[in-house]
Amino acid sequence: MKQDISLREIRNMLGLSRRIIQGYEKEGLIRSTSRNKYGHLLYDEETLRRIVRIRFYQETGFQLKEIAAFIDGSAEAIKMRLKEQKEILEKQRNRLDRQIEIIDDYLNEGNDTKYEEAIMEMIREERK
């Protein structure tokens, strides 16, 4: 027999606050499976795995309402949504890499004019 997991245990395992988990419940993403003799909420292992996925989706930029819209969809629909998010993240990474490069160049060279030109070039490239 599988043993249910208390809210406290989930919080400790995943480093999440009670408020975060309550937010998942409020959005209808999870629900407790039972209560213990003290009335504390209990969750099964499937819900724990779902919380892990929800948290990962949040960390990759999805809002809870977006997650709610696709989490129970087909594996293909989830893959499609993740592919779209991956493209967004890759664009963000490229922008951050360029910003770091500009900062490094400025820190190494200290040339204000070159620094400002690099920033303007980055802005022009993004507008294309």
Protein backbone atom coordinates (compact mmCIF):
# COMPACT_ATOMS: atom_id res chain seq x y z
CA MET A 1 0.00 0.00 0.00
CA LYS A 2 1.34 3.41 -0.99
CA GLN A 3 1.51 5.95 1.76
CA ASP A 4 0.15 9.44 1.21
CA ILE A 5 2.47 12.40 1.68
CA SER A 6 1.69 15.31 3.95
CA LEU A 7 1.77 18.90 2.79
CA ARG A 8 4.70 19.50 5.12
CA GLU A 9 6.66 16.62 3.60
CA ILE A 10 6.03 17.94 0.09
CA ARG A 11 7.09 21.43 1.15
CA ASN A 12 10.29 20.05 2.65
CA MET A 13 11.08 17.79 -0.33
CA LEU A 14 10.56 20.49 -2.93
CA GLY A 15 11.35 23.66 -1.02
CA LEU A 16 7.94 25.14 -1.75
CA SER A 17 5.81 27.30 0.49
CA ARG A 18 2.31 26.40 1.63
CA ARG A 19 1.06 29.37 -0.38
CA ILE A 20 2.51 28.01 -3.64
CA ILE A 21 0.80 24.66 -3.17
CA GLN A 22 -2.45 26.39 -2.18
CA GLY A 23 -2.18 28.40 -5.40
CA TYR A 24 -2.00 25.16 -7.37
CA GLU A 25 -5.12 23.95 -5.56
CA LYS A 26 -6.92 27.26 -6.18
CA GLU A 27 -6.21 26.99 -9.92
CA GLY A 28 -7.56 23.43 -9.90
CA LEU A 29 -4.18 21.96 -10.83
CA ILE A 30 -3.99 19.65 -7.83
CA ARG A 31 -6.10 18.50 -4.95
CA SER A 32 -5.42 16.56 -1.82
CA THR A 33 -6.29 12.91 -1.83
CA SER A 34 -7.23 12.63 1.83
CA ARG A 35 -6.61 13.94 5.34
CA ASN A 36 -4.83 12.35 8.24
CA LYS A 37 -6.36 11.87 11.69
CA TYR A 38 -5.34 15.45 12.60
CA GLY A 39 -7.09 16.90 9.55
CA HIS A 40 -3.86 17.67 7.70
CA LEU A 41 -4.01 17.43 3.91
CA LEU A 42 -2.42 14.39 2.28
CA TYR A 43 -1.35 13.88 -1.32
CA ASP A 44 -0.52 10.78 -3.31
CA GLU A 45 2.68 10.21 -5.29
CA GLU A 46 0.97 11.07 -8.56
CA THR A 47 0.09 14.51 -7.17
CA LEU A 48 3.67 14.96 -5.98
CA ARG A 49 4.93 14.24 -9.52
CA ARG A 50 2.35 16.67 -10.89
CA ILE A 51 3.55 19.38 -8.50
CA VAL A 52 7.10 18.82 -9.73
CA ARG A 53 5.97 19.25 -13.35
CA ILE A 54 3.91 22.35 -12.53
CA ARG A 55 6.86 23.93 -10.74
CA PHE A 56 9.16 23.19 -13.67
CA TYR A 57 6.68 24.71 -16.12
CA GLN A 58 6.50 27.83 -13.94
CA GLU A 59 10.27 28.10 -13.84
CA THR A 60 10.38 27.94 -17.63
CA GLY A 61 8.02 30.93 -17.85
CA PHE A 62 4.49 29.56 -17.92
CA GLN A 63 1.76 31.18 -15.84
CA LEU A 64 -0.56 28.92 -13.83
CA LYS A 65 -3.51 29.61 -16.13
CA GLU A 66 -1.40 28.53 -19.14
CA ILE A 67 -0.33 25.38 -17.31
CA ALA A 68 -3.94 24.60 -16.46
CA ALA A 69 -4.81 24.89 -20.15
CA PHE A 70 -2.34 22.24 -21.32
CA ILE A 71 -1.25 20.00 -18.43
CA ASP A 72 -4.09 17.52 -18.89
CA GLY A 73 -3.84 17.53 -22.68
CA SER A 74 -2.36 14.84 -24.85
CA ALA A 75 1.35 14.16 -24.74
CA GLU A 76 1.57 15.63 -28.24
CA ALA A 77 -0.14 18.87 -27.17
CA ILE A 78 2.19 19.20 -24.18
CA LYS A 79 5.22 18.60 -26.41
CA MET A 80 4.02 21.25 -28.85
CA ARG A 81 3.57 23.81 -26.05
CA LEU A 82 6.99 22.98 -24.60
CA LYS A 83 8.58 23.34 -28.02
CA GLU A 84 7.07 26.82 -28.34
CA GLN A 85 8.34 27.74 -24.88
CA LYS A 86 11.79 26.38 -25.72
CA GLU A 87 11.97 28.76 -28.68
CA ILE A 88 11.06 31.67 -26.42
CA LEU A 89 13.70 30.64 -23.88
CA GLU A 90 16.34 30.29 -26.59
CA LYS A 91 15.63 33.85 -27.77
CA GLN A 92 15.91 35.07 -24.18
CA ARG A 93 19.18 33.18 -23.73
CA ASN A 94 20.61 34.68 -26.92
CA ARG A 95 19.64 38.17 -25.76
CA LEU A 96 21.20 37.59 -22.36
CA ASP A 97 24.37 36.22 -23.97
CA ARG A 98 24.60 39.36 -26.12
CA GLN A 99 24.05 41.62 -23.11
CA ILE A 100 26.79 39.81 -21.17
CA GLU A 101 29.12 40.12 -24.14
CA ILE A 102 28.49 43.88 -24.34
CA ILE A 103 29.10 44.28 -20.60
CA ASP A 104 32.30 42.21 -20.77
CA ASP A 105 33.58 44.30 -23.67
CA TYR A 106 32.87 47.50 -21.76
CA LEU A 107 34.50 46.21 -18.57
CA ASN A 108 37.60 45.15 -20.50
CA GLU A 109 37.88 48.17 -22.78
CA GLY A 110 36.01 50.96 -20.98
CA ASN A 111 35.09 52.60 -24.29
CA ASP A 112 31.79 54.46 -23.81
CA THR A 113 31.25 55.09 -27.51
CA LYS A 114 31.82 51.47 -28.50
CA TYR A 115 29.60 50.37 -25.59
CA GLU A 116 26.72 52.59 -26.69
CA GLU A 117 27.12 51.54 -30.32
CA ALA A 118 26.95 47.88 -29.32
CA ILE A 119 23.75 48.54 -27.37
CA MET A 120 22.19 50.37 -30.31
CA GLU A 121 23.18 47.54 -32.66
CA MET A 122 21.58 45.00 -30.35
CA ILE A 123 18.37 47.06 -30.24
CA ARG A 124 18.29 47.40 -34.04
CA GLU A 125 18.78 43.63 -34.46
CA GLU A 126 15.91 42.91 -32.09
CA ARG A 127 13.57 45.20 -34.00
CA LYS A 128 14.06 43.25 -37.25
